[in-house]
Amino acid sequence: MQPAELKIFHKQILVENTYVYSAQWVLLPCTNASITPSLMMERYLQHIRRATFSLIRPTRTRSGIDFNILSSRLSLLAFAPPEEERFSMKLPIRGGLLVQKGYAYNGKFAFSVEQGEGGMRLMLELSGFRPLLLGRPNPTKLCRWFYRLTQALIHKKVCISFVIRMVEQACVEKVPVRVVQVSGPEGSDI
C-alpha cells in the first residue's frame, strides 16, 4: 500500500565553515529490487543533461566523468572513475571550474540504495566539496550569499528533481511528494 505522500529530505550545509555537505534522500515503501547505485548514477548522468537543457553534458573520459559545458572541453566538475561499494557508488571529485584550486580529490558525490525495515532508501550525498564560489575557507557573507543563490540552488533543484524522478520510476502509482528541509548541528545551512 502506497502512503498518501512521500517525503524527500534535503540537507545542505557548510561544515566547519570550509566545505559543503549536501544530501537528498527518500524512503520508498515499494521495494523495487532493480534499483542499484550504479543504475542511479547512470540515470543521474542522463538527468543532468536533461535538467540543464544539454548545457551540461556528462562525458566519460579515461580519467572518469566530466560535466562539460556544451561540447567543449571546459569541465564544470570532473570526477575520477566510479568507486563501487556494496550499497553505494561514489564519484571522487578530481577538479573542474567549480572546485577551489588545491582541493581536488577532497570531495565525493555518492549514490546509495539500502533496504531497511521501512522500505528502500535512495540517497544522493555530496561531501567534502569546496566550491570555487565560496572563495576560501571562512567565506565572506557575500560569497556565501552568492553561492547560495547560484550553484547551491541549482544543485538542490537538480538533485530533488532527480529523486522525484526515481520515485516515479520505482513506484507503480503516482505518489505526491513533499520536500522537507533538515537542519543539523554539524554546520550552518546554506
N, C-alpha and C. Protein backbone atom coordinates (compact mmCIF):
# COMPACT_ATOMS: atom_id res chain seq x y z
N MET A 1 0.84 -1.19 0.00
CA MET A 1 0.00 0.00 0.00
C MET A 1 0.88 1.25 0.00
N GLN A 2 0.60 2.17 -0.90
CA GLN A 2 1.36 3.41 -1.03
C GLN A 2 0.92 4.41 0.04
N PRO A 3 1.86 5.20 0.57
CA PRO A 3 1.45 6.25 1.51
C PRO A 3 0.77 7.38 0.74
N ALA A 4 0.03 8.22 1.47
CA ALA A 4 -0.66 9.36 0.85
C ALA A 4 0.35 10.35 0.29
N GLU A 5 1.53 10.39 0.90
CA GLU A 5 2.55 11.36 0.49
C GLU A 5 3.93 10.82 0.86
N LEU A 6 4.90 11.02 -0.01
CA LEU A 6 6.28 10.64 0.29
C LEU A 6 7.07 11.90 0.62
N LYS A 7 7.92 11.79 1.61
CA LYS A 7 8.77 12.92 1.98
C LYS A 7 10.15 12.73 1.39
N ILE A 8 10.63 13.76 0.70
CA ILE A 8 12.01 13.79 0.22
C ILE A 8 12.74 14.73 1.16
N PHE A 9 13.75 14.21 1.82
CA PHE A 9 14.50 15.00 2.78
C PHE A 9 15.69 15.65 2.09
N HIS A 10 15.99 16.86 2.52
CA HIS A 10 17.06 17.64 1.91
C HIS A 10 17.86 18.35 3.00
N LYS A 11 19.18 18.27 2.87
CA LYS A 11 20.07 18.95 3.80
C LYS A 11 21.23 19.51 3.00
N GLN A 12 21.55 20.78 3.22
CA GLN A 12 22.67 21.41 2.52
C GLN A 12 23.32 22.38 3.51
N ILE A 13 24.54 22.04 3.94
CA ILE A 13 25.19 22.85 4.97
C ILE A 13 26.65 23.13 4.61
N LEU A 14 27.18 24.14 5.26
CA LEU A 14 28.60 24.45 5.20
C LEU A 14 29.20 23.92 6.50
N VAL A 15 30.10 22.96 6.39
CA VAL A 15 30.69 22.30 7.55
C VAL A 15 32.03 22.95 7.89
N GLU A 16 32.21 23.24 9.17
CA GLU A 16 33.44 23.85 9.67
C GLU A 16 33.82 25.09 8.86
N ASN A 17 32.78 25.73 8.29
CA ASN A 17 32.96 26.96 7.52
C ASN A 17 33.93 26.79 6.35
N THR A 18 34.09 25.56 5.86
CA THR A 18 35.04 25.35 4.76
C THR A 18 34.51 24.50 3.61
N TYR A 19 33.72 23.47 3.89
CA TYR A 19 33.29 22.61 2.79
C TYR A 19 31.79 22.33 2.86
N VAL A 20 31.24 21.95 1.72
CA VAL A 20 29.81 21.74 1.59
C VAL A 20 29.46 20.27 1.78
N TYR A 21 28.38 20.06 2.51
CA TYR A 21 27.75 18.74 2.62
C TYR A 21 26.31 18.91 2.17
N SER A 22 25.87 18.05 1.26
CA SER A 22 24.51 18.12 0.76
C SER A 22 23.98 16.70 0.61
N ALA A 23 22.75 16.49 1.03
CA ALA A 23 22.13 15.17 0.89
C ALA A 23 20.65 15.32 0.58
N GLN A 24 20.18 14.43 -0.27
CA GLN A 24 18.76 14.33 -0.59
C GLN A 24 18.42 12.85 -0.51
N TRP A 25 17.36 12.51 0.19
CA TRP A 25 17.01 11.10 0.31
C TRP A 25 15.51 10.91 0.48
N VAL A 26 15.09 9.70 0.18
CA VAL A 26 13.69 9.31 0.29
C VAL A 26 13.64 7.86 0.74
N LEU A 27 12.62 7.53 1.50
CA LEU A 27 12.38 6.15 1.90
C LEU A 27 11.17 5.66 1.10
N LEU A 28 11.42 4.75 0.18
CA LEU A 28 10.35 4.22 -0.67
C LEU A 28 9.70 3.02 0.00
N PRO A 29 8.38 3.04 0.15
CA PRO A 29 7.71 1.87 0.72
C PRO A 29 7.72 0.70 -0.27
N CYS A 30 7.78 1.03 -1.57
CA CYS A 30 7.85 -0.02 -2.59
C CYS A 30 9.31 -0.44 -2.73
N THR A 31 9.57 -1.71 -2.66
CA THR A 31 10.94 -2.19 -2.71
C THR A 31 11.23 -2.76 -4.09
N ASN A 32 11.58 -1.89 -4.99
CA ASN A 32 11.91 -2.27 -6.36
C ASN A 32 13.38 -2.71 -6.39
N ALA A 33 13.59 -4.01 -6.42
CA ALA A 33 14.94 -4.55 -6.32
C ALA A 33 15.82 -4.19 -7.51
N SER A 34 15.23 -3.66 -8.58
CA SER A 34 16.04 -3.35 -9.76
C SER A 34 16.81 -2.03 -9.63
N ILE A 35 16.57 -1.25 -8.59
CA ILE A 35 17.31 0.00 -8.40
C ILE A 35 18.62 -0.31 -7.68
N THR A 36 19.71 0.03 -8.32
CA THR A 36 21.04 -0.16 -7.75
C THR A 36 21.76 1.18 -7.74
N PRO A 37 22.83 1.32 -6.97
CA PRO A 37 23.60 2.56 -7.01
C PRO A 37 24.13 2.87 -8.41
N SER A 38 24.54 1.84 -9.13
CA SER A 38 25.04 2.03 -10.49
C SER A 38 23.95 2.56 -11.41
N LEU A 39 22.76 2.01 -11.29
CA LEU A 39 21.63 2.48 -12.09
C LEU A 39 21.29 3.93 -11.73
N MET A 40 21.31 4.23 -10.43
CA MET A 40 21.04 5.62 -10.00
C MET A 40 22.04 6.57 -10.64
N MET A 41 23.32 6.20 -10.63
CA MET A 41 24.35 7.06 -11.20
C MET A 41 24.09 7.28 -12.70
N GLU A 42 23.81 6.21 -13.42
CA GLU A 42 23.56 6.33 -14.86
C GLU A 42 22.35 7.22 -15.13
N ARG A 43 21.30 7.03 -14.36
CA ARG A 43 20.10 7.86 -14.53
C ARG A 43 20.38 9.31 -14.16
N TYR A 44 21.23 9.52 -13.16
CA TYR A 44 21.57 10.89 -12.76
C TYR A 44 22.33 11.60 -13.89
N LEU A 45 23.26 10.90 -14.52
CA LEU A 45 24.00 11.49 -15.63
C LEU A 45 23.05 11.89 -16.76
N GLN A 46 22.07 11.06 -17.04
CA GLN A 46 21.06 11.41 -18.04
C GLN A 46 20.23 12.61 -17.58
N HIS A 47 19.91 12.61 -16.29
CA HIS A 47 19.08 13.69 -15.73
C HIS A 47 19.80 15.04 -15.79
N ILE A 48 21.10 15.05 -15.54
CA ILE A 48 21.88 16.30 -15.60
C ILE A 48 21.74 16.91 -16.99
N ARG A 49 21.92 16.11 -17.98
CA ARG A 49 21.82 16.62 -19.36
C ARG A 49 20.41 17.16 -19.63
N ARG A 50 19.40 16.40 -19.23
CA ARG A 50 18.01 16.80 -19.46
C ARG A 50 17.65 18.05 -18.65
N ALA A 51 18.01 18.08 -17.37
CA ALA A 51 17.64 19.19 -16.49
C ALA A 51 18.32 20.49 -16.85
N THR A 52 19.47 20.41 -17.52
CA THR A 52 20.20 21.63 -17.91
C THR A 52 20.01 21.95 -19.39
N PHE A 53 19.02 21.31 -20.02
CA PHE A 53 18.75 21.53 -21.45
C PHE A 53 19.99 21.32 -22.30
N SER A 54 20.79 20.33 -21.94
CA SER A 54 22.02 19.93 -22.63
C SER A 54 23.15 20.96 -22.54
N LEU A 55 23.01 21.95 -21.67
CA LEU A 55 24.13 22.89 -21.45
C LEU A 55 25.28 22.18 -20.76
N ILE A 56 24.94 21.29 -19.83
CA ILE A 56 25.96 20.48 -19.15
C ILE A 56 25.81 19.06 -19.68
N ARG A 57 26.94 18.54 -20.18
CA ARG A 57 26.93 17.22 -20.79
C ARG A 57 27.92 16.29 -20.08
N PRO A 58 27.40 15.36 -19.29
CA PRO A 58 28.29 14.38 -18.69
C PRO A 58 28.99 13.57 -19.78
N THR A 59 30.31 13.54 -19.70
CA THR A 59 31.13 12.89 -20.72
C THR A 59 32.09 11.92 -20.04
N ARG A 60 32.10 10.69 -20.50
CA ARG A 60 33.05 9.70 -19.96
C ARG A 60 34.40 9.89 -20.64
N THR A 61 35.44 9.91 -19.83
CA THR A 61 36.81 10.04 -20.32
C THR A 61 37.65 8.93 -19.70
N ARG A 62 38.90 8.86 -20.09
CA ARG A 62 39.82 7.88 -19.46
C ARG A 62 40.01 8.19 -17.99
N SER A 63 39.87 9.47 -17.63
CA SER A 63 40.09 9.90 -16.25
C SER A 63 38.85 9.79 -15.38
N GLY A 64 37.69 9.53 -15.98
CA GLY A 64 36.45 9.44 -15.21
C GLY A 64 35.27 10.01 -15.95
N ILE A 65 34.55 10.91 -15.28
CA ILE A 65 33.36 11.54 -15.86
C ILE A 65 33.49 13.05 -15.68
N ASP A 66 33.33 13.79 -16.77
CA ASP A 66 33.40 15.25 -16.72
C ASP A 66 32.03 15.83 -17.03
N PHE A 67 31.67 16.89 -16.31
CA PHE A 67 30.46 17.66 -16.62
C PHE A 67 30.90 18.84 -17.47
N ASN A 68 30.88 18.64 -18.80
CA ASN A 68 31.37 19.64 -19.74
C ASN A 68 30.28 20.63 -20.11
N ILE A 69 30.72 21.85 -20.45
CA ILE A 69 29.82 22.87 -20.95
C ILE A 69 29.66 22.63 -22.44
N LEU A 70 28.41 22.38 -22.86
CA LEU A 70 28.10 22.05 -24.25
C LEU A 70 29.05 20.98 -24.76
N SER A 71 29.63 21.18 -25.93
CA SER A 71 30.54 20.18 -26.50
C SER A 71 32.00 20.53 -26.27
N SER A 72 32.25 21.49 -25.39
CA SER A 72 33.62 21.93 -25.16
C SER A 72 34.35 20.98 -24.22
N ARG A 73 35.61 21.29 -23.99
CA ARG A 73 36.39 20.53 -23.01
C ARG A 73 36.41 21.24 -21.66
N LEU A 74 35.66 22.34 -21.55
CA LEU A 74 35.56 23.05 -20.28
C LEU A 74 34.69 22.24 -19.33
N SER A 75 35.30 21.79 -18.25
CA SER A 75 34.61 20.92 -17.32
C SER A 75 34.24 21.68 -16.05
N LEU A 76 32.93 21.77 -15.77
CA LEU A 76 32.49 22.40 -14.53
C LEU A 76 32.90 21.56 -13.34
N LEU A 77 32.69 20.26 -13.46
CA LEU A 77 33.10 19.30 -12.44
C LEU A 77 33.72 18.10 -13.14
N ALA A 78 34.79 17.59 -12.57
CA ALA A 78 35.45 16.41 -13.12
C ALA A 78 35.54 15.36 -12.01
N PHE A 79 35.08 14.18 -12.32
CA PHE A 79 35.07 13.09 -11.34
C PHE A 79 36.03 11.99 -11.78
N ALA A 80 36.68 11.37 -10.80
CA ALA A 80 37.51 10.18 -11.06
C ALA A 80 36.55 9.03 -11.38
N PRO A 81 37.08 7.90 -11.85
CA PRO A 81 36.20 6.76 -12.13
C PRO A 81 35.38 6.36 -10.89
N PRO A 82 34.18 5.86 -11.11
CA PRO A 82 33.31 5.48 -10.00
C PRO A 82 33.95 4.40 -9.12
N GLU A 83 33.70 4.53 -7.82
CA GLU A 83 34.15 3.53 -6.84
C GLU A 83 32.90 2.83 -6.33
N GLU A 84 32.79 1.54 -6.65
CA GLU A 84 31.60 0.80 -6.27
C GLU A 84 31.80 0.11 -4.93
N GLU A 85 30.81 0.28 -4.06
CA GLU A 85 30.79 -0.42 -2.78
C GLU A 85 29.48 -1.20 -2.71
N ARG A 86 29.26 -1.89 -1.63
CA ARG A 86 28.10 -2.77 -1.53
C ARG A 86 26.78 -2.03 -1.74
N PHE A 87 26.60 -0.90 -1.06
CA PHE A 87 25.34 -0.17 -1.14
C PHE A 87 25.48 1.20 -1.80
N SER A 88 26.66 1.51 -2.34
CA SER A 88 26.84 2.85 -2.90
C SER A 88 27.79 2.86 -4.10
N MET A 89 27.69 3.92 -4.84
CA MET A 89 28.58 4.21 -5.96
C MET A 89 29.08 5.63 -5.70
N LYS A 90 30.40 5.78 -5.60
CA LYS A 90 30.97 7.09 -5.27
C LYS A 90 31.78 7.62 -6.44
N LEU A 91 31.63 8.92 -6.67
CA LEU A 91 32.42 9.62 -7.68
C LEU A 91 33.32 10.62 -6.97
N PRO A 92 34.62 10.33 -6.84
CA PRO A 92 35.54 11.30 -6.25
C PRO A 92 35.67 12.52 -7.15
N ILE A 93 35.60 13.70 -6.56
CA ILE A 93 35.73 14.94 -7.33
C ILE A 93 37.22 15.18 -7.57
N ARG A 94 37.62 15.20 -8.84
CA ARG A 94 39.05 15.39 -9.15
C ARG A 94 39.36 16.79 -9.65
N GLY A 95 38.36 17.64 -9.80
CA GLY A 95 38.62 19.01 -10.23
C GLY A 95 37.45 19.60 -10.98
N GLY A 96 37.76 20.64 -11.77
CA GLY A 96 36.75 21.33 -12.56
C GLY A 96 36.71 22.81 -12.22
N LEU A 97 36.05 23.58 -13.07
CA LEU A 97 35.98 25.03 -12.89
C LEU A 97 35.28 25.44 -11.60
N LEU A 98 34.39 24.61 -11.07
CA LEU A 98 33.63 24.97 -9.87
C LEU A 98 34.29 24.55 -8.56
N VAL A 99 35.49 23.99 -8.65
CA VAL A 99 36.20 23.49 -7.46
C VAL A 99 37.34 24.44 -7.10
N GLN A 100 37.47 24.75 -5.80
CA GLN A 100 38.59 25.58 -5.35
C GLN A 100 39.90 24.92 -5.73
N LYS A 101 40.83 25.70 -6.22
CA LYS A 101 42.15 25.18 -6.59
C LYS A 101 42.84 24.59 -5.36
N GLY A 102 43.50 23.48 -5.56
CA GLY A 102 44.21 22.82 -4.47
C GLY A 102 43.34 21.88 -3.65
N TYR A 103 42.05 21.75 -4.00
CA TYR A 103 41.17 20.89 -3.22
C TYR A 103 40.54 19.77 -4.05
N ALA A 104 41.20 19.41 -5.13
CA ALA A 104 40.73 18.27 -5.91
C ALA A 104 40.91 17.01 -5.07
N TYR A 105 40.09 16.04 -5.30
CA TYR A 105 40.08 14.75 -4.60
C TYR A 105 39.71 14.86 -3.12
N ASN A 106 39.20 16.02 -2.69
CA ASN A 106 38.70 16.13 -1.31
C ASN A 106 37.25 15.70 -1.20
N GLY A 107 36.47 15.96 -2.24
CA GLY A 107 35.04 15.71 -2.17
C GLY A 107 34.61 14.46 -2.92
N LYS A 108 33.40 14.02 -2.62
CA LYS A 108 32.80 12.87 -3.30
C LYS A 108 31.32 13.11 -3.50
N PHE A 109 30.81 12.54 -4.57
CA PHE A 109 29.37 12.55 -4.83
C PHE A 109 28.96 11.09 -4.85
N ALA A 110 28.01 10.71 -3.99
CA ALA A 110 27.66 9.30 -3.83
C ALA A 110 26.18 9.04 -4.09
N PHE A 111 25.91 7.86 -4.62
CA PHE A 111 24.56 7.37 -4.85
C PHE A 111 24.42 6.11 -4.01
N SER A 112 23.42 6.05 -3.14
CA SER A 112 23.29 4.84 -2.33
C SER A 112 21.85 4.33 -2.32
N VAL A 113 21.75 3.02 -2.19
CA VAL A 113 20.47 2.32 -2.13
C VAL A 113 20.59 1.31 -1.00
N GLU A 114 19.70 1.42 -0.01
CA GLU A 114 19.74 0.48 1.10
C GLU A 114 18.34 0.00 1.43
N GLN A 115 18.21 -1.31 1.64
CA GLN A 115 16.94 -1.89 2.08
C GLN A 115 16.90 -1.83 3.59
N GLY A 116 15.74 -1.50 4.12
CA GLY A 116 15.56 -1.47 5.56
C GLY A 116 14.16 -1.92 5.92
N GLU A 117 13.83 -1.80 7.20
CA GLU A 117 12.51 -2.20 7.68
C GLU A 117 11.39 -1.45 6.98
N GLY A 118 11.58 -0.14 6.81
CA GLY A 118 10.52 0.68 6.25
C GLY A 118 10.48 0.72 4.74
N GLY A 119 11.41 0.07 4.08
CA GLY A 119 11.45 0.09 2.62
C GLY A 119 12.86 0.30 2.10
N MET A 120 12.93 0.95 0.96
CA MET A 120 14.21 1.18 0.29
C MET A 120 14.57 2.66 0.38
N ARG A 121 15.78 2.94 0.89
CA ARG A 121 16.24 4.33 0.98
C ARG A 121 17.15 4.64 -0.20
N LEU A 122 16.77 5.66 -0.97
CA LEU A 122 17.60 6.17 -2.06
C LEU A 122 18.21 7.47 -1.59
N MET A 123 19.52 7.64 -1.81
CA MET A 123 20.19 8.84 -1.30
C MET A 123 21.25 9.34 -2.25
N LEU A 124 21.28 10.66 -2.42
CA LEU A 124 22.38 11.36 -3.10
C LEU A 124 23.12 12.10 -2.01
N GLU A 125 24.46 12.07 -2.05
CA GLU A 125 25.23 12.71 -0.99
C GLU A 125 26.50 13.33 -1.56
N LEU A 126 26.64 14.62 -1.35
CA LEU A 126 27.84 15.36 -1.73
C LEU A 126 28.57 15.69 -0.45
N SER A 127 29.83 15.28 -0.34
CA SER A 127 30.58 15.55 0.89
C SER A 127 31.98 16.04 0.57
N GLY A 128 32.50 16.89 1.44
CA GLY A 128 33.87 17.38 1.30
C GLY A 128 34.10 18.31 0.13
N PHE A 129 33.05 18.82 -0.48
CA PHE A 129 33.17 19.67 -1.67
C PHE A 129 33.52 21.10 -1.28
N ARG A 130 34.54 21.64 -1.94
CA ARG A 130 34.96 23.03 -1.71
C ARG A 130 34.72 23.84 -2.97
N PRO A 131 33.55 24.50 -3.05
CA PRO A 131 33.21 25.24 -4.27
C PRO A 131 34.03 26.50 -4.44
N LEU A 132 34.40 26.75 -5.68
CA LEU A 132 35.15 27.96 -6.01
C LEU A 132 34.38 29.21 -5.62
N LEU A 133 33.06 29.19 -5.78
CA LEU A 133 32.25 30.38 -5.50
C LEU A 133 32.29 30.80 -4.03
N LEU A 134 32.66 29.89 -3.12
CA LEU A 134 32.82 30.31 -1.72
C LEU A 134 34.14 31.02 -1.50
N GLY A 135 35.05 30.88 -2.45
CA GLY A 135 36.30 31.64 -2.41
C GLY A 135 37.42 31.03 -1.61
N ARG A 136 37.14 30.67 -0.37
CA ARG A 136 38.20 30.20 0.53
C ARG A 136 37.54 29.66 1.80
N PRO A 137 38.34 29.03 2.68
CA PRO A 137 37.77 28.68 3.99
C PRO A 137 37.32 29.96 4.70
N ASN A 138 36.32 29.87 5.52
CA ASN A 138 35.72 31.02 6.20
C ASN A 138 35.29 32.09 5.18
N PRO A 139 34.39 31.72 4.26
CA PRO A 139 33.98 32.66 3.21
C PRO A 139 33.23 33.86 3.79
N THR A 140 33.29 34.95 3.07
CA THR A 140 32.57 36.16 3.48
C THR A 140 31.07 35.92 3.33
N LYS A 141 30.28 36.78 3.96
CA LYS A 141 28.82 36.67 3.83
C LYS A 141 28.40 36.85 2.38
N LEU A 142 29.08 37.74 1.66
CA LEU A 142 28.75 37.98 0.26
C LEU A 142 29.00 36.71 -0.57
N CYS A 143 30.14 36.04 -0.34
CA CYS A 143 30.44 34.80 -1.08
C CYS A 143 29.42 33.71 -0.75
N ARG A 144 29.07 33.59 0.53
CA ARG A 144 28.07 32.59 0.93
C ARG A 144 26.72 32.88 0.28
N TRP A 145 26.33 34.14 0.28
CA TRP A 145 25.07 34.55 -0.31
C TRP A 145 25.07 34.24 -1.81
N PHE A 146 26.16 34.60 -2.49
CA PHE A 146 26.27 34.37 -3.93
C PHE A 146 26.22 32.87 -4.25
N TYR A 147 26.95 32.08 -3.48
CA TYR A 147 26.94 30.62 -3.68
C TYR A 147 25.54 30.06 -3.45
N ARG A 148 24.88 30.50 -2.38
CA ARG A 148 23.55 30.02 -2.03
C ARG A 148 22.54 30.28 -3.16
N LEU A 149 22.64 31.44 -3.79
CA LEU A 149 21.67 31.82 -4.82
C LEU A 149 22.02 31.33 -6.22
N THR A 150 23.18 30.72 -6.37
CA THR A 150 23.58 30.23 -7.70
C THR A 150 23.81 28.72 -7.65
N GLN A 151 25.02 28.32 -7.43
CA GLN A 151 25.41 26.91 -7.51
C GLN A 151 24.64 26.03 -6.52
N ALA A 152 24.49 26.48 -5.28
CA ALA A 152 23.79 25.66 -4.28
C ALA A 152 22.33 25.47 -4.66
N LEU A 153 21.70 26.52 -5.16
CA LEU A 153 20.29 26.44 -5.56
C LEU A 153 20.11 25.50 -6.75
N ILE A 154 20.99 25.61 -7.73
CA ILE A 154 20.92 24.73 -8.90
C ILE A 154 21.12 23.28 -8.48
N HIS A 155 22.14 23.03 -7.64
CA HIS A 155 22.41 21.67 -7.16
C HIS A 155 21.18 21.10 -6.45
N LYS A 156 20.60 21.90 -5.57
CA LYS A 156 19.42 21.46 -4.82
C LYS A 156 18.27 21.11 -5.76
N LYS A 157 17.96 21.99 -6.69
CA LYS A 157 16.83 21.77 -7.60
C LYS A 157 17.05 20.53 -8.47
N VAL A 158 18.26 20.37 -9.00
CA VAL A 158 18.56 19.22 -9.86
C VAL A 158 18.48 17.92 -9.07
N CYS A 159 19.05 17.91 -7.86
CA CYS A 159 19.04 16.68 -7.06
C CYS A 159 17.64 16.30 -6.61
N ILE A 160 16.86 17.28 -6.16
CA ILE A 160 15.49 16.97 -5.73
C ILE A 160 14.65 16.49 -6.91
N SER A 161 14.79 17.14 -8.05
CA SER A 161 14.01 16.69 -9.22
C SER A 161 14.44 15.28 -9.64
N PHE A 162 15.73 14.96 -9.45
CA PHE A 162 16.19 13.61 -9.76
C PHE A 162 15.56 12.59 -8.80
N VAL A 163 15.54 12.90 -7.51
CA VAL A 163 14.94 11.97 -6.54
C VAL A 163 13.45 11.78 -6.86
N ILE A 164 12.76 12.86 -7.22
CA ILE A 164 11.35 12.74 -7.62
C ILE A 164 11.22 11.81 -8.82
N ARG A 165 12.11 11.94 -9.78
CA ARG A 165 12.09 11.08 -10.97
C ARG A 165 12.31 9.61 -10.58
N MET A 166 13.22 9.36 -9.65
CA MET A 166 13.45 7.98 -9.20
C MET A 166 12.23 7.43 -8.48
N VAL A 167 11.55 8.28 -7.68
CA VAL A 167 10.31 7.85 -7.01
C VAL A 167 9.27 7.46 -8.05
N GLU A 168 9.11 8.28 -9.08
CA GLU A 168 8.13 8.00 -10.13
C GLU A 168 8.44 6.70 -10.85
N GLN A 169 9.72 6.40 -11.05
CA GLN A 169 10.10 5.18 -11.75
C GLN A 169 9.96 3.95 -10.85
N ALA A 170 10.16 4.12 -9.55
CA ALA A 170 10.13 2.98 -8.64
C ALA A 170 8.73 2.59 -8.21
N CYS A 171 7.86 3.56 -8.05
CA CYS A 171 6.50 3.29 -7.58
C CYS A 171 5.56 3.15 -8.77
N VAL A 172 4.68 2.20 -8.68
CA VAL A 172 3.75 1.94 -9.77
C VAL A 172 2.77 3.10 -9.92
N GLU A 173 2.23 3.55 -8.81
CA GLU A 173 1.26 4.64 -8.84
C GLU A 173 1.96 5.98 -8.62
N LYS A 174 1.35 7.04 -9.13
CA LYS A 174 1.88 8.38 -8.90
C LYS A 174 1.61 8.75 -7.45
N VAL A 175 2.65 9.15 -6.75
CA VAL A 175 2.55 9.49 -5.34
C VAL A 175 2.97 10.94 -5.15
N PRO A 176 2.16 11.73 -4.44
CA PRO A 176 2.59 13.11 -4.18
C PRO A 176 3.82 13.12 -3.27
N VAL A 177 4.70 14.06 -3.52
CA VAL A 177 5.91 14.17 -2.70
C VAL A 177 5.96 15.56 -2.06
N ARG A 178 6.64 15.61 -0.92
CA ARG A 178 6.85 16.87 -0.22
C ARG A 178 8.33 16.92 0.17
N VAL A 179 8.97 18.06 -0.08
CA VAL A 179 10.38 18.23 0.27
C VAL A 179 10.46 18.79 1.68
N VAL A 180 11.28 18.14 2.51
CA VAL A 180 11.44 18.53 3.90
C VAL A 180 12.89 18.95 4.11
N GLN A 181 13.10 20.19 4.51
CA GLN A 181 14.45 20.70 4.82
C GLN A 181 14.86 20.16 6.18
N VAL A 182 16.05 19.59 6.25
CA VAL A 182 16.57 19.05 7.50
C VAL A 182 17.78 19.89 7.91
N SER A 183 17.80 20.33 9.15
CA SER A 183 18.95 21.08 9.67
C SER A 183 19.68 20.20 10.66
N GLY A 184 20.91 20.55 10.92
CA GLY A 184 21.68 19.77 11.88
C GLY A 184 22.73 20.61 12.56
N PRO A 185 23.23 20.13 13.67
CA PRO A 185 24.22 20.89 14.42
C PRO A 185 25.62 20.84 13.81
N GLU A 186 25.81 20.02 12.74
CA GLU A 186 27.15 19.82 12.19
C GLU A 186 27.67 21.00 11.39
N GLY A 187 26.81 21.93 11.00
CA GLY A 187 27.25 23.05 10.17
C GLY A 187 26.15 24.08 10.07
N SER A 188 26.39 25.08 9.24
CA SER A 188 25.39 26.13 9.06
C SER A 188 24.70 25.93 7.72
N ASP A 189 23.38 26.15 7.71
CA ASP A 189 22.60 25.98 6.49
C ASP A 189 23.11 26.90 5.40
N ILE A 190 23.05 26.38 4.17
CA ILE A 190 23.45 27.20 3.02
C ILE A 190 22.17 27.69 2.37
